[in-house]
Amino acid sequence: MNEINLMKKLLYLLVMPLILAACNPKVELTSAGMYPNYQVGEIVNLIPVDSLTYGDVIAYHSYIPGFQERAFKRIVGLPGDTVRFQDQQCIVNGKKCEWVLIRKLFYEEDECEEYCESLPNGMKVNICKSVVPIDSATATTTAVVVPAGRPLRAGGYRGGSIDSRSQGCVAADSIIGKGVKRK
């Protein structure tokens, strides 16, 4: 009888972590694209996506050869919005997302300015603007109308993030989940 109880306990200890992992997916950040809000190596819990709004962070499948399989970015444009970037600053429907300078810093040998950015719904997030953009083609973009079912996303580290500015909008069926910061 004790052997059966021991086997049940061992089976529970082996199977339960697998069940919990399936019910509570996570993503480990492997790039600096979401700095300063998220750090390389940080693990973020994911929850199912029921709806998206400005400021939500999403994990999605990235199908670009040579890049990470899962990417993690913030929603800055919703279907129907007209979005563009000017000197790394997001402009939604003709209105600049307000920036307030927090500090000047160096990140990965890049001279940066950290700002608090106000998104169209009033959510405030920190972003890092490169003084000299790593990719000048994405610092200022032409206006894009966000198509239905394909939100526009941007990283927090604007000078070094690979996001909608270079990849286009992400397909809704590529989204794995919404990020929730671990406490």
N, C-alpha and C. Protein backbone atom coordinates (compact mmCIF):
# COMPACT_ATOMS: atom_id res chain seq x y z
N MET A 1 0.82 -1.19 0.00
CA MET A 1 0.00 0.00 0.00
C MET A 1 0.86 1.26 0.00
N ASN A 2 1.94 1.26 0.78
CA ASN A 2 2.83 2.41 0.83
C ASN A 2 3.51 2.65 -0.51
N GLU A 3 3.80 1.55 -1.23
CA GLU A 3 4.41 1.69 -2.55
C GLU A 3 3.46 2.37 -3.53
N ILE A 4 2.19 2.07 -3.44
CA ILE A 4 1.20 2.69 -4.32
C ILE A 4 1.08 4.18 -4.01
N ASN A 5 1.05 4.53 -2.73
CA ASN A 5 0.99 5.95 -2.35
C ASN A 5 2.24 6.69 -2.79
N LEU A 6 3.39 6.03 -2.66
CA LEU A 6 4.64 6.64 -3.09
C LEU A 6 4.63 6.87 -4.60
N MET A 7 4.13 5.89 -5.35
CA MET A 7 4.05 6.02 -6.81
C MET A 7 3.10 7.16 -7.21
N LYS A 8 1.98 7.28 -6.51
CA LYS A 8 1.03 8.36 -6.78
C LYS A 8 1.68 9.72 -6.54
N LYS A 9 2.43 9.83 -5.43
CA LYS A 9 3.10 11.09 -5.11
C LYS A 9 4.16 11.43 -6.15
N LEU A 10 4.93 10.43 -6.57
CA LEU A 10 5.95 10.66 -7.60
C LEU A 10 5.32 11.08 -8.92
N LEU A 11 4.25 10.39 -9.30
CA LEU A 11 3.55 10.74 -10.53
C LEU A 11 3.02 12.17 -10.46
N TYR A 12 2.45 12.53 -9.32
CA TYR A 12 1.95 13.89 -9.11
C TYR A 12 3.09 14.90 -9.26
N LEU A 13 4.22 14.62 -8.65
CA LEU A 13 5.37 15.54 -8.70
C LEU A 13 5.93 15.66 -10.11
N LEU A 14 5.81 14.62 -10.91
CA LEU A 14 6.31 14.67 -12.28
C LEU A 14 5.33 15.33 -13.24
N VAL A 15 4.05 15.07 -13.06
CA VAL A 15 3.03 15.55 -13.99
C VAL A 15 2.57 16.98 -13.68
N MET A 16 2.48 17.34 -12.44
CA MET A 16 1.94 18.66 -12.06
C MET A 16 2.72 19.82 -12.67
N PRO A 17 4.06 19.81 -12.65
CA PRO A 17 4.77 20.92 -13.29
C PRO A 17 4.45 21.06 -14.78
N LEU A 18 4.22 19.94 -15.46
CA LEU A 18 3.87 20.00 -16.88
C LEU A 18 2.50 20.63 -17.09
N ILE A 19 1.56 20.29 -16.24
CA ILE A 19 0.22 20.87 -16.32
C ILE A 19 0.27 22.36 -16.03
N LEU A 20 1.01 22.74 -14.99
CA LEU A 20 1.12 24.17 -14.64
C LEU A 20 1.80 24.96 -15.76
N ALA A 21 2.83 24.39 -16.37
CA ALA A 21 3.52 25.08 -17.46
C ALA A 21 2.59 25.29 -18.65
N ALA A 22 1.75 24.30 -18.93
CA ALA A 22 0.81 24.44 -20.05
C ALA A 22 -0.27 25.47 -19.76
N CYS A 23 -0.67 25.58 -18.51
CA CYS A 23 -1.73 26.52 -18.13
C CYS A 23 -1.21 27.93 -17.89
N ASN A 24 0.06 28.07 -17.65
CA ASN A 24 0.65 29.37 -17.34
C ASN A 24 1.90 29.57 -18.21
N PRO A 25 1.70 29.81 -19.52
CA PRO A 25 2.87 29.97 -20.39
C PRO A 25 3.67 31.21 -20.03
N LYS A 26 4.94 31.16 -20.37
CA LYS A 26 5.86 32.26 -20.08
C LYS A 26 6.71 32.51 -21.32
N VAL A 27 7.34 33.66 -21.35
CA VAL A 27 8.31 33.95 -22.39
C VAL A 27 9.52 34.60 -21.72
N GLU A 28 10.70 34.18 -22.15
CA GLU A 28 11.93 34.80 -21.65
C GLU A 28 12.40 35.80 -22.69
N LEU A 29 12.67 37.02 -22.25
CA LEU A 29 13.09 38.06 -23.18
C LEU A 29 14.56 37.85 -23.53
N THR A 30 14.82 37.79 -24.83
CA THR A 30 16.17 37.50 -25.30
C THR A 30 16.81 38.68 -26.01
N SER A 31 16.11 39.79 -26.08
CA SER A 31 16.68 40.97 -26.73
C SER A 31 16.38 42.21 -25.89
N ALA A 32 17.07 43.29 -26.22
CA ALA A 32 16.92 44.55 -25.48
C ALA A 32 15.80 45.43 -26.03
N GLY A 33 15.01 44.93 -26.96
CA GLY A 33 14.00 45.73 -27.63
C GLY A 33 12.94 46.34 -26.75
N MET A 34 12.72 45.81 -25.54
CA MET A 34 11.69 46.35 -24.65
C MET A 34 12.27 47.13 -23.48
N TYR A 35 13.59 47.37 -23.50
CA TYR A 35 14.21 48.20 -22.46
C TYR A 35 13.59 49.59 -22.54
N PRO A 36 13.31 50.30 -21.47
CA PRO A 36 13.70 50.11 -20.08
C PRO A 36 12.66 49.39 -19.22
N ASN A 37 11.50 49.05 -19.77
CA ASN A 37 10.46 48.42 -18.95
C ASN A 37 10.73 46.94 -18.67
N TYR A 38 11.41 46.29 -19.59
CA TYR A 38 11.73 44.87 -19.46
C TYR A 38 13.21 44.68 -19.77
N GLN A 39 13.83 43.74 -19.08
CA GLN A 39 15.27 43.50 -19.22
C GLN A 39 15.53 42.17 -19.93
N VAL A 40 16.67 42.08 -20.60
CA VAL A 40 17.09 40.82 -21.21
C VAL A 40 17.16 39.76 -20.10
N GLY A 41 16.61 38.58 -20.37
CA GLY A 41 16.60 37.49 -19.40
C GLY A 41 15.39 37.48 -18.50
N GLU A 42 14.61 38.55 -18.50
CA GLU A 42 13.41 38.60 -17.66
C GLU A 42 12.38 37.61 -18.19
N ILE A 43 11.70 36.94 -17.29
CA ILE A 43 10.65 36.00 -17.67
C ILE A 43 9.30 36.67 -17.39
N VAL A 44 8.45 36.66 -18.41
CA VAL A 44 7.15 37.32 -18.33
C VAL A 44 6.05 36.27 -18.48
N ASN A 45 5.08 36.30 -17.57
CA ASN A 45 3.93 35.40 -17.67
C ASN A 45 3.02 35.87 -18.80
N LEU A 46 2.35 34.93 -19.45
CA LEU A 46 1.41 35.25 -20.52
C LEU A 46 0.01 34.83 -20.12
N ILE A 47 -0.95 35.66 -20.50
CA ILE A 47 -2.36 35.32 -20.30
C ILE A 47 -3.04 35.34 -21.66
N PRO A 48 -4.18 34.67 -21.80
CA PRO A 48 -4.88 34.67 -23.08
C PRO A 48 -5.30 36.09 -23.49
N VAL A 49 -5.36 36.30 -24.78
CA VAL A 49 -5.76 37.60 -25.32
C VAL A 49 -7.26 37.58 -25.58
N ASP A 50 -7.98 38.43 -24.84
CA ASP A 50 -9.41 38.57 -25.11
C ASP A 50 -9.66 39.84 -25.92
N SER A 51 -8.86 40.86 -25.66
CA SER A 51 -8.92 42.10 -26.43
C SER A 51 -7.57 42.80 -26.27
N LEU A 52 -7.29 43.73 -27.14
CA LEU A 52 -6.04 44.48 -27.08
C LEU A 52 -6.33 45.97 -27.01
N THR A 53 -5.48 46.68 -26.29
CA THR A 53 -5.57 48.13 -26.23
C THR A 53 -4.16 48.70 -26.21
N TYR A 54 -4.07 50.02 -26.32
CA TYR A 54 -2.78 50.69 -26.28
C TYR A 54 -2.03 50.31 -25.00
N GLY A 55 -0.77 50.02 -25.14
CA GLY A 55 0.06 49.72 -23.99
C GLY A 55 0.15 48.26 -23.63
N ASP A 56 -0.76 47.43 -24.13
CA ASP A 56 -0.64 46.00 -23.87
C ASP A 56 0.66 45.49 -24.47
N VAL A 57 1.31 44.59 -23.77
CA VAL A 57 2.50 43.94 -24.32
C VAL A 57 2.10 42.54 -24.75
N ILE A 58 2.56 42.15 -25.92
CA ILE A 58 2.17 40.85 -26.46
C ILE A 58 3.41 40.04 -26.82
N ALA A 59 3.27 38.74 -26.67
CA ALA A 59 4.25 37.80 -27.20
C ALA A 59 3.64 37.25 -28.48
N TYR A 60 4.45 37.10 -29.51
CA TYR A 60 3.94 36.61 -30.78
C TYR A 60 5.03 35.81 -31.49
N HIS A 61 4.59 34.98 -32.43
CA HIS A 61 5.53 34.21 -33.24
C HIS A 61 6.15 35.14 -34.27
N SER A 62 7.46 35.16 -34.31
CA SER A 62 8.19 35.96 -35.29
C SER A 62 8.69 35.01 -36.37
N TYR A 63 8.34 35.30 -37.60
CA TYR A 63 8.70 34.40 -38.70
C TYR A 63 9.85 34.94 -39.53
N ILE A 64 10.65 35.80 -38.95
CA ILE A 64 11.76 36.40 -39.68
C ILE A 64 13.00 35.55 -39.47
N PRO A 65 13.59 35.01 -40.54
CA PRO A 65 14.78 34.17 -40.40
C PRO A 65 15.91 34.91 -39.68
N GLY A 66 16.57 34.21 -38.78
CA GLY A 66 17.70 34.79 -38.06
C GLY A 66 17.33 35.53 -36.79
N PHE A 67 16.04 35.68 -36.51
CA PHE A 67 15.61 36.38 -35.30
C PHE A 67 14.94 35.39 -34.36
N GLN A 68 14.73 35.84 -33.13
CA GLN A 68 14.12 34.95 -32.14
C GLN A 68 12.78 34.45 -32.62
N GLU A 69 12.44 33.26 -32.18
CA GLU A 69 11.19 32.62 -32.58
C GLU A 69 9.98 33.33 -32.00
N ARG A 70 10.11 33.78 -30.74
CA ARG A 70 9.04 34.53 -30.08
C ARG A 70 9.53 35.94 -29.82
N ALA A 71 8.70 36.89 -30.15
CA ALA A 71 9.05 38.29 -29.90
C ALA A 71 8.05 38.87 -28.91
N PHE A 72 8.41 40.03 -28.35
CA PHE A 72 7.63 40.62 -27.27
C PHE A 72 7.66 42.13 -27.45
N LYS A 73 6.53 42.76 -27.75
CA LYS A 73 6.47 44.20 -27.99
C LYS A 73 5.18 44.79 -27.42
N ARG A 74 5.11 46.13 -27.43
CA ARG A 74 3.96 46.87 -26.89
C ARG A 74 3.06 47.35 -28.03
N ILE A 75 1.74 47.27 -27.83
CA ILE A 75 0.77 47.75 -28.81
C ILE A 75 0.73 49.28 -28.75
N VAL A 76 0.98 49.92 -29.90
CA VAL A 76 0.89 51.39 -29.99
C VAL A 76 -0.11 51.84 -31.05
N GLY A 77 -0.62 50.89 -31.84
CA GLY A 77 -1.60 51.23 -32.86
C GLY A 77 -2.65 50.14 -32.99
N LEU A 78 -3.91 50.55 -33.04
CA LEU A 78 -5.03 49.62 -33.15
C LEU A 78 -5.65 49.73 -34.54
N PRO A 79 -6.41 48.70 -34.97
CA PRO A 79 -7.02 48.75 -36.30
C PRO A 79 -7.78 50.05 -36.55
N GLY A 80 -7.50 50.65 -37.72
CA GLY A 80 -8.12 51.92 -38.11
C GLY A 80 -7.26 53.13 -37.78
N ASP A 81 -6.31 52.99 -36.85
CA ASP A 81 -5.42 54.11 -36.51
C ASP A 81 -4.45 54.39 -37.66
N THR A 82 -4.06 55.66 -37.76
CA THR A 82 -2.96 56.04 -38.65
C THR A 82 -1.78 56.33 -37.74
N VAL A 83 -0.69 55.58 -37.94
CA VAL A 83 0.47 55.67 -37.05
C VAL A 83 1.73 55.94 -37.87
N ARG A 84 2.56 56.82 -37.32
CA ARG A 84 3.89 57.03 -37.89
C ARG A 84 4.84 57.38 -36.75
N PHE A 85 6.12 57.36 -37.04
CA PHE A 85 7.14 57.73 -36.07
C PHE A 85 7.95 58.88 -36.63
N GLN A 86 8.23 59.85 -35.79
CA GLN A 86 9.06 60.98 -36.16
C GLN A 86 10.14 61.10 -35.10
N ASP A 87 11.39 60.91 -35.51
CA ASP A 87 12.53 60.94 -34.58
C ASP A 87 12.25 60.02 -33.38
N GLN A 88 11.76 58.80 -33.67
CA GLN A 88 11.47 57.74 -32.70
C GLN A 88 10.23 57.99 -31.85
N GLN A 89 9.55 59.12 -32.04
CA GLN A 89 8.34 59.43 -31.27
C GLN A 89 7.11 58.95 -32.03
N CYS A 90 6.22 58.26 -31.32
CA CYS A 90 5.01 57.70 -31.91
C CYS A 90 3.95 58.79 -32.10
N ILE A 91 3.35 58.81 -33.29
CA ILE A 91 2.27 59.74 -33.60
C ILE A 91 1.07 58.91 -34.04
N VAL A 92 -0.02 59.00 -33.28
CA VAL A 92 -1.22 58.20 -33.54
C VAL A 92 -2.35 59.15 -33.93
N ASN A 93 -2.90 58.92 -35.12
CA ASN A 93 -4.01 59.74 -35.64
C ASN A 93 -3.68 61.23 -35.61
N GLY A 94 -2.44 61.55 -35.98
CA GLY A 94 -2.00 62.94 -36.09
C GLY A 94 -1.57 63.58 -34.78
N LYS A 95 -1.67 62.87 -33.66
CA LYS A 95 -1.32 63.43 -32.36
C LYS A 95 -0.09 62.73 -31.79
N LYS A 96 0.94 63.53 -31.46
CA LYS A 96 2.15 62.96 -30.87
C LYS A 96 1.84 62.40 -29.49
N CYS A 97 2.38 61.22 -29.21
CA CYS A 97 2.30 60.69 -27.85
C CYS A 97 3.28 61.52 -27.02
N GLU A 98 2.75 62.21 -26.03
CA GLU A 98 3.55 63.16 -25.24
C GLU A 98 4.71 62.45 -24.55
N TRP A 99 5.87 63.13 -24.55
CA TRP A 99 7.07 62.62 -23.88
C TRP A 99 7.48 63.57 -22.77
N VAL A 100 7.91 63.01 -21.64
CA VAL A 100 8.51 63.78 -20.55
C VAL A 100 9.86 63.14 -20.27
N LEU A 101 10.93 63.94 -20.38
CA LEU A 101 12.28 63.43 -20.17
C LEU A 101 12.47 63.01 -18.72
N ILE A 102 12.98 61.81 -18.51
CA ILE A 102 13.27 61.30 -17.17
C ILE A 102 14.76 61.44 -16.87
N ARG A 103 15.60 60.95 -17.79
CA ARG A 103 17.04 61.00 -17.56
C ARG A 103 17.79 60.68 -18.85
N LYS A 104 19.07 61.03 -18.85
CA LYS A 104 19.98 60.65 -19.93
C LYS A 104 20.84 59.51 -19.42
N LEU A 105 21.14 58.56 -20.29
CA LEU A 105 21.89 57.39 -19.87
C LEU A 105 22.61 56.76 -21.05
N PHE A 106 23.44 55.78 -20.75
CA PHE A 106 24.05 54.94 -21.77
C PHE A 106 23.50 53.54 -21.58
N TYR A 107 23.04 52.93 -22.67
CA TYR A 107 22.55 51.56 -22.63
C TYR A 107 23.21 50.80 -23.77
N GLU A 108 23.89 49.72 -23.44
CA GLU A 108 24.62 48.93 -24.43
C GLU A 108 25.48 49.84 -25.31
N GLU A 109 26.22 50.73 -24.70
CA GLU A 109 27.12 51.68 -25.36
C GLU A 109 26.38 52.67 -26.27
N ASP A 110 25.09 52.77 -26.11
CA ASP A 110 24.26 53.68 -26.91
C ASP A 110 23.85 54.85 -26.01
N GLU A 111 24.11 56.06 -26.48
CA GLU A 111 23.68 57.24 -25.72
C GLU A 111 22.17 57.39 -25.88
N CYS A 112 21.46 57.40 -24.77
CA CYS A 112 20.00 57.39 -24.79
C CYS A 112 19.41 58.47 -23.90
N GLU A 113 18.13 58.72 -24.15
CA GLU A 113 17.32 59.55 -23.28
C GLU A 113 16.08 58.72 -22.93
N GLU A 114 15.82 58.58 -21.63
CA GLU A 114 14.64 57.84 -21.19
C GLU A 114 13.49 58.82 -21.00
N TYR A 115 12.36 58.49 -21.62
CA TYR A 115 11.16 59.33 -21.54
C TYR A 115 10.00 58.53 -20.98
N CYS A 116 9.06 59.24 -20.37
CA CYS A 116 7.76 58.68 -20.04
C CYS A 116 6.85 59.08 -21.20
N GLU A 117 6.29 58.08 -21.89
CA GLU A 117 5.44 58.33 -23.05
C GLU A 117 3.99 58.10 -22.67
N SER A 118 3.12 59.04 -23.04
CA SER A 118 1.67 58.90 -22.80
C SER A 118 1.02 58.38 -24.07
N LEU A 119 0.43 57.20 -23.99
CA LEU A 119 -0.25 56.59 -25.14
C LEU A 119 -1.64 57.20 -25.29
N PRO A 120 -2.32 56.97 -26.44
CA PRO A 120 -3.63 57.60 -26.67
C PRO A 120 -4.68 57.33 -25.59
N ASN A 121 -4.59 56.20 -24.89
CA ASN A 121 -5.57 55.91 -23.83
C ASN A 121 -5.14 56.43 -22.47
N GLY A 122 -4.03 57.20 -22.43
CA GLY A 122 -3.55 57.78 -21.18
C GLY A 122 -2.54 56.92 -20.43
N MET A 123 -2.35 55.68 -20.88
CA MET A 123 -1.36 54.82 -20.23
C MET A 123 0.03 55.41 -20.41
N LYS A 124 0.81 55.39 -19.34
CA LYS A 124 2.17 55.93 -19.39
C LYS A 124 3.17 54.79 -19.31
N VAL A 125 4.13 54.81 -20.24
CA VAL A 125 5.18 53.79 -20.28
C VAL A 125 6.52 54.49 -20.51
N ASN A 126 7.57 53.89 -20.04
CA ASN A 126 8.90 54.45 -20.28
C ASN A 126 9.45 53.90 -21.59
N ILE A 127 10.09 54.77 -22.34
CA ILE A 127 10.75 54.37 -23.57
C ILE A 127 12.17 54.93 -23.54
N CYS A 128 13.01 54.36 -24.36
CA CYS A 128 14.40 54.80 -24.44
C CYS A 128 14.68 55.25 -25.87
N LYS A 129 14.98 56.52 -26.04
CA LYS A 129 15.27 57.08 -27.36
C LYS A 129 16.78 57.13 -27.55
N SER A 130 17.26 56.54 -28.64
CA SER A 130 18.68 56.63 -28.96
C SER A 130 18.98 58.02 -29.48
N VAL A 131 20.04 58.64 -28.95
CA VAL A 131 20.43 59.96 -29.44
C VAL A 131 20.82 59.86 -30.90
N VAL A 132 21.56 58.80 -31.26
CA VAL A 132 21.88 58.49 -32.65
C VAL A 132 21.22 57.15 -32.93
N PRO A 133 20.11 57.11 -33.68
CA PRO A 133 19.40 55.86 -33.91
C PRO A 133 20.30 54.80 -34.55
N ILE A 134 20.17 53.58 -34.07
CA ILE A 134 20.93 52.47 -34.64
C ILE A 134 20.47 52.22 -36.06
N ASP A 135 19.18 52.30 -36.31
CA ASP A 135 18.60 52.09 -37.63
C ASP A 135 17.82 53.35 -38.00
N SER A 136 18.46 54.24 -38.76
CA SER A 136 17.82 55.52 -39.08
C SER A 136 16.56 55.35 -39.93
N ALA A 137 16.43 54.21 -40.61
CA ALA A 137 15.24 53.98 -41.44
C ALA A 137 13.98 53.84 -40.59
N THR A 138 14.12 53.42 -39.33
CA THR A 138 12.94 53.25 -38.48
C THR A 138 12.73 54.42 -37.53
N ALA A 139 13.65 55.37 -37.49
CA ALA A 139 13.50 56.53 -36.59
C ALA A 139 12.33 57.39 -37.02
N THR A 140 12.20 57.59 -38.33
CA THR A 140 11.08 58.35 -38.90
C THR A 140 10.47 57.49 -40.00
N THR A 141 9.16 57.26 -39.91
CA THR A 141 8.49 56.40 -40.88
C THR A 141 7.34 57.16 -41.53
N THR A 142 6.87 56.62 -42.64
CA THR A 142 5.67 57.18 -43.26
C THR A 142 4.45 56.67 -42.50
N ALA A 143 3.34 57.34 -42.67
CA ALA A 143 2.11 56.97 -41.97
C ALA A 143 1.58 55.64 -42.50
N VAL A 144 1.09 54.81 -41.58
CA VAL A 144 0.51 53.51 -41.91
C VAL A 144 -0.87 53.44 -41.27
N VAL A 145 -1.86 53.01 -42.04
CA VAL A 145 -3.18 52.76 -41.47
C VAL A 145 -3.16 51.31 -40.98
N VAL A 146 -3.42 51.13 -39.70
CA VAL A 146 -3.35 49.79 -39.09
C VAL A 146 -4.53 48.97 -39.60
N PRO A 147 -4.24 47.82 -40.26
CA PRO A 147 -5.33 47.00 -40.80
C PRO A 147 -6.08 46.23 -39.71
N ALA A 148 -7.28 45.79 -40.03
CA ALA A 148 -8.08 45.00 -39.09
C ALA A 148 -7.34 43.73 -38.72
N GLY A 149 -7.37 43.40 -37.43
CA GLY A 149 -6.78 42.16 -36.95
C GLY A 149 -5.26 42.12 -36.94
N ARG A 150 -4.59 43.27 -37.12
CA ARG A 150 -3.13 43.28 -37.19
C ARG A 150 -2.58 44.49 -36.42
N PRO A 151 -2.54 44.45 -35.10
CA PRO A 151 -2.08 45.61 -34.32
C PRO A 151 -0.65 46.00 -34.63
N LEU A 152 -0.37 47.28 -34.45
CA LEU A 152 0.97 47.81 -34.67
C LEU A 152 1.68 47.84 -33.32
N ARG A 153 2.92 47.36 -33.30
CA ARG A 153 3.65 47.27 -32.04
C ARG A 153 5.00 47.93 -32.17
N ALA A 154 5.52 48.38 -31.02
CA ALA A 154 6.84 49.01 -30.97
C ALA A 154 7.53 48.61 -29.68
N GLY A 155 8.83 48.52 -29.76
CA GLY A 155 9.62 48.24 -28.56
C GLY A 155 9.85 49.50 -27.77
N GLY A 156 10.26 49.33 -26.53
CA GLY A 156 10.58 50.48 -25.68
C GLY A 156 11.92 51.10 -26.04
N TYR A 157 12.83 50.27 -26.52
CA TYR A 157 14.17 50.73 -26.91
C TYR A 157 14.09 51.11 -28.38
N ARG A 158 13.60 52.31 -28.65
CA ARG A 158 13.22 52.71 -30.00
C ARG A 158 14.36 52.68 -31.01
N GLY A 159 15.57 52.94 -30.57
CA GLY A 159 16.69 52.94 -31.51
C GLY A 159 17.17 51.56 -31.88
N GLY A 160 16.81 50.54 -31.11
CA GLY A 160 17.33 49.21 -31.35
C GLY A 160 16.29 48.11 -31.38
N SER A 161 15.03 48.45 -31.51
CA SER A 161 13.96 47.46 -31.50
C SER A 161 13.55 47.10 -32.92
N ILE A 162 13.39 45.80 -33.15
CA ILE A 162 12.86 45.33 -34.44
C ILE A 162 11.37 45.11 -34.20
N ASP A 163 10.55 45.94 -34.83
CA ASP A 163 9.11 45.91 -34.54
C ASP A 163 8.33 46.28 -35.80
N SER A 164 7.12 46.80 -35.65
CA SER A 164 6.26 47.11 -36.81
C SER A 164 6.87 48.14 -37.75
N ARG A 165 7.78 48.95 -37.25
CA ARG A 165 8.40 49.96 -38.12
C ARG A 165 9.18 49.31 -39.26
N SER A 166 9.72 48.12 -39.03
CA SER A 166 10.47 47.43 -40.08
C SER A 166 9.80 46.14 -40.53
N GLN A 167 8.92 45.57 -39.72
CA GLN A 167 8.30 44.28 -40.02
C GLN A 167 6.84 44.35 -40.42
N GLY A 168 6.22 45.49 -40.26
CA GLY A 168 4.79 45.58 -40.51
C GLY A 168 4.00 45.13 -39.29
N CYS A 169 2.70 45.16 -39.42
CA CYS A 169 1.82 44.81 -38.30
C CYS A 169 1.78 43.29 -38.11
N VAL A 170 1.56 42.87 -36.88
CA VAL A 170 1.56 41.44 -36.55
C VAL A 170 0.16 40.86 -36.75
N ALA A 171 0.10 39.67 -37.34
CA ALA A 171 -1.19 39.00 -37.55
C ALA A 171 -1.73 38.52 -36.21
N ALA A 172 -3.03 38.69 -36.00
CA ALA A 172 -3.66 38.30 -34.73
C ALA A 172 -3.44 36.83 -34.42
N ASP A 173 -3.42 35.97 -35.46
CA ASP A 173 -3.23 34.54 -35.19
C ASP A 173 -1.79 34.18 -34.84
N SER A 174 -0.88 35.15 -34.91
CA SER A 174 0.51 34.93 -34.47
C SER A 174 0.71 35.28 -33.00
N ILE A 175 -0.28 35.93 -32.39
CA ILE A 175 -0.14 36.37 -31.00
C ILE A 175 -0.31 35.17 -30.07
N ILE A 176 0.67 34.99 -29.18
CA ILE A 176 0.68 33.88 -28.23
C ILE A 176 -0.08 34.25 -26.96
N GLY A 177 0.11 35.49 -26.51
CA GLY A 177 -0.56 35.93 -25.29
C GLY A 177 -0.15 37.33 -24.90
N LYS A 178 -0.84 37.85 -23.89
CA LYS A 178 -0.54 39.17 -23.33
C LYS A 178 0.43 39.00 -22.18
N GLY A 179 1.40 39.89 -22.10
CA GLY A 179 2.39 39.81 -21.04
C GLY A 179 1.90 40.42 -19.74
N VAL A 180 2.23 39.74 -18.64
CA VAL A 180 1.94 40.24 -17.30
C VAL A 180 3.24 40.16 -16.52
N LYS A 181 3.70 41.32 -16.04
CA LYS A 181 4.96 41.35 -15.30
C LYS A 181 4.87 40.50 -14.06
N ARG A 182 5.93 39.72 -13.82
CA ARG A 182 5.98 38.89 -12.60
C ARG A 182 6.27 39.77 -11.41
N LYS A 183 5.73 39.42 -10.28
CA LYS A 183 5.96 40.21 -9.06
C LYS A 183 6.98 39.56 -8.20
